[in-house]
Amino acid sequence: MAAYGSISADELNARLGEVALFDVRGPAETDRGVIEGAVLMPLHLVPMNVDRFRGDRDVVIYCHSGARSAQACQFLAGQGIDCLFNLQGGVMYWAGSGLPLVPPAQ
């Protein structure tokens, strides 16, 4: 089975725009702000959208603390998706590091 790695907030910040970024939180959470460029994909929709995670870019997934995104990474790795990374500490650590959040795209 394929595995996935982890990425720090600083590493992700340096790679924004070159990775495929997915936020697996729900709408009530994403309304408070997202990392710029993130595709909103609530965790329960991940299994129905596996092909959206395939491509030629590394995939970074995040949630509030890193637990749900780890579940998504584990599931996607089992579907043969590679180059997967879970954001360490989730958006909570991102924001706590002083990195910006933006309103979700409508």
Protein backbone atom coordinates (compact mmCIF):
# COMPACT_ATOMS: atom_id res chain seq x y z
CA MET A 1 0.00 0.00 0.00
CA ALA A 2 1.23 3.47 -0.82
CA ALA A 3 2.17 5.79 2.00
CA TYR A 4 1.94 9.51 2.57
CA GLY A 5 4.20 12.08 4.14
CA SER A 6 3.75 15.18 6.21
CA ILE A 7 4.56 18.78 5.43
CA SER A 8 5.10 21.67 7.81
CA ALA A 9 3.28 24.99 7.55
CA ASP A 10 6.51 26.72 6.49
CA GLU A 11 7.24 24.09 3.82
CA LEU A 12 3.70 24.40 2.46
CA ASN A 13 3.90 28.19 2.47
CA ALA A 14 7.05 27.97 0.35
CA ARG A 15 5.31 25.62 -2.11
CA LEU A 16 1.90 27.32 -2.45
CA GLY A 17 0.89 27.40 -6.11
CA GLU A 18 2.98 24.39 -7.05
CA VAL A 19 1.01 21.79 -5.07
CA ALA A 20 -2.62 20.68 -5.34
CA LEU A 21 -4.11 21.82 -2.02
CA PHE A 22 -7.31 20.36 -0.54
CA ASP A 23 -9.22 21.42 2.58
CA VAL A 24 -11.32 18.54 3.97
CA ARG A 25 -13.12 20.58 6.66
CA GLY A 26 -16.84 21.24 6.53
CA PRO A 27 -18.49 24.51 5.41
CA ALA A 28 -18.94 25.91 8.95
CA GLU A 29 -15.17 25.61 9.43
CA THR A 30 -14.06 26.82 5.99
CA ASP A 31 -16.27 29.90 6.37
CA ARG A 32 -13.74 31.09 8.98
CA GLY A 33 -10.94 31.07 6.40
CA VAL A 34 -8.89 28.79 4.16
CA ILE A 35 -5.34 28.60 2.91
CA GLU A 36 -5.16 30.49 -0.39
CA GLY A 37 -5.61 28.23 -3.41
CA ALA A 38 -7.25 25.37 -1.51
CA VAL A 39 -9.98 23.28 -3.11
CA LEU A 40 -12.81 22.66 -0.64
CA MET A 41 -13.52 18.94 -0.41
CA PRO A 42 -15.31 17.91 2.80
CA LEU A 43 -13.97 14.58 4.06
CA HIS A 44 -17.18 12.66 3.31
CA LEU A 45 -16.90 13.62 -0.38
CA VAL A 46 -13.31 12.40 -0.83
CA PRO A 47 -14.25 8.79 -1.78
CA MET A 48 -16.54 10.05 -4.57
CA ASN A 49 -13.86 12.37 -5.97
CA VAL A 50 -10.69 10.24 -5.98
CA ASP A 51 -9.83 11.24 -9.56
CA ARG A 52 -9.61 14.92 -8.53
CA PHE A 53 -6.53 13.97 -6.49
CA ARG A 54 -4.72 12.39 -9.46
CA GLY A 55 -2.33 14.52 -11.44
CA ASP A 56 1.26 15.53 -11.88
CA ARG A 57 1.53 17.72 -8.77
CA ASP A 58 2.12 16.79 -5.15
CA VAL A 59 -1.13 16.74 -3.18
CA VAL A 60 -1.39 18.43 0.23
CA ILE A 61 -4.47 17.82 2.36
CA TYR A 62 -5.39 19.68 5.53
CA CYS A 63 -8.16 20.01 8.10
CA HIS A 64 -8.40 21.74 11.48
CA SER A 65 -5.80 19.72 13.41
CA GLY A 66 -4.49 17.10 10.99
CA ALA A 67 -6.65 14.13 12.05
CA ARG A 68 -9.27 14.16 9.27
CA SER A 69 -6.68 15.00 6.64
CA ALA A 70 -4.64 12.00 7.83
CA GLN A 71 -7.75 9.84 7.26
CA ALA A 72 -8.10 11.29 3.76
CA CYS A 73 -4.41 10.65 3.03
CA GLN A 74 -4.67 7.07 4.26
CA PHE A 75 -7.75 6.42 2.12
CA LEU A 76 -6.24 8.04 -1.00
CA ALA A 77 -2.94 6.20 -0.56
CA GLY A 78 -4.98 3.00 -0.56
CA GLN A 79 -6.50 4.09 -3.88
CA GLY A 80 -3.02 4.34 -5.42
CA ILE A 81 -2.60 8.10 -5.10
CA ASP A 82 1.02 8.95 -4.38
CA CYS A 83 2.92 12.16 -3.65
CA LEU A 84 0.45 12.80 -0.79
CA PHE A 85 1.20 15.05 2.17
CA ASN A 86 -0.73 15.85 5.34
CA LEU A 87 -0.29 19.36 6.77
CA GLN A 88 1.20 18.94 10.25
CA GLY A 89 -1.11 20.42 12.87
CA GLY A 90 -3.65 21.45 10.24
CA VAL A 91 -4.97 24.95 9.70
CA MET A 92 -4.76 25.51 13.45
CA TYR A 93 -0.96 25.30 13.31
CA TRP A 94 -0.86 27.25 10.01
CA ALA A 95 -2.73 30.20 11.53
CA GLY A 96 -0.84 29.83 14.81
CA SER A 97 2.39 30.27 12.84
CA GLY A 98 1.13 33.68 11.67
CA LEU A 99 0.40 32.50 8.12
CA PRO A 100 -2.63 34.01 6.38
CA LEU A 101 -6.10 32.65 5.82
CA VAL A 102 -8.40 34.00 3.13
CA PRO A 103 -12.17 33.84 2.67
CA PRO A 104 -13.27 30.73 0.77
CA ALA A 105 -14.02 31.17 -2.93
CA GLN A 106 -17.74 31.29 -3.55
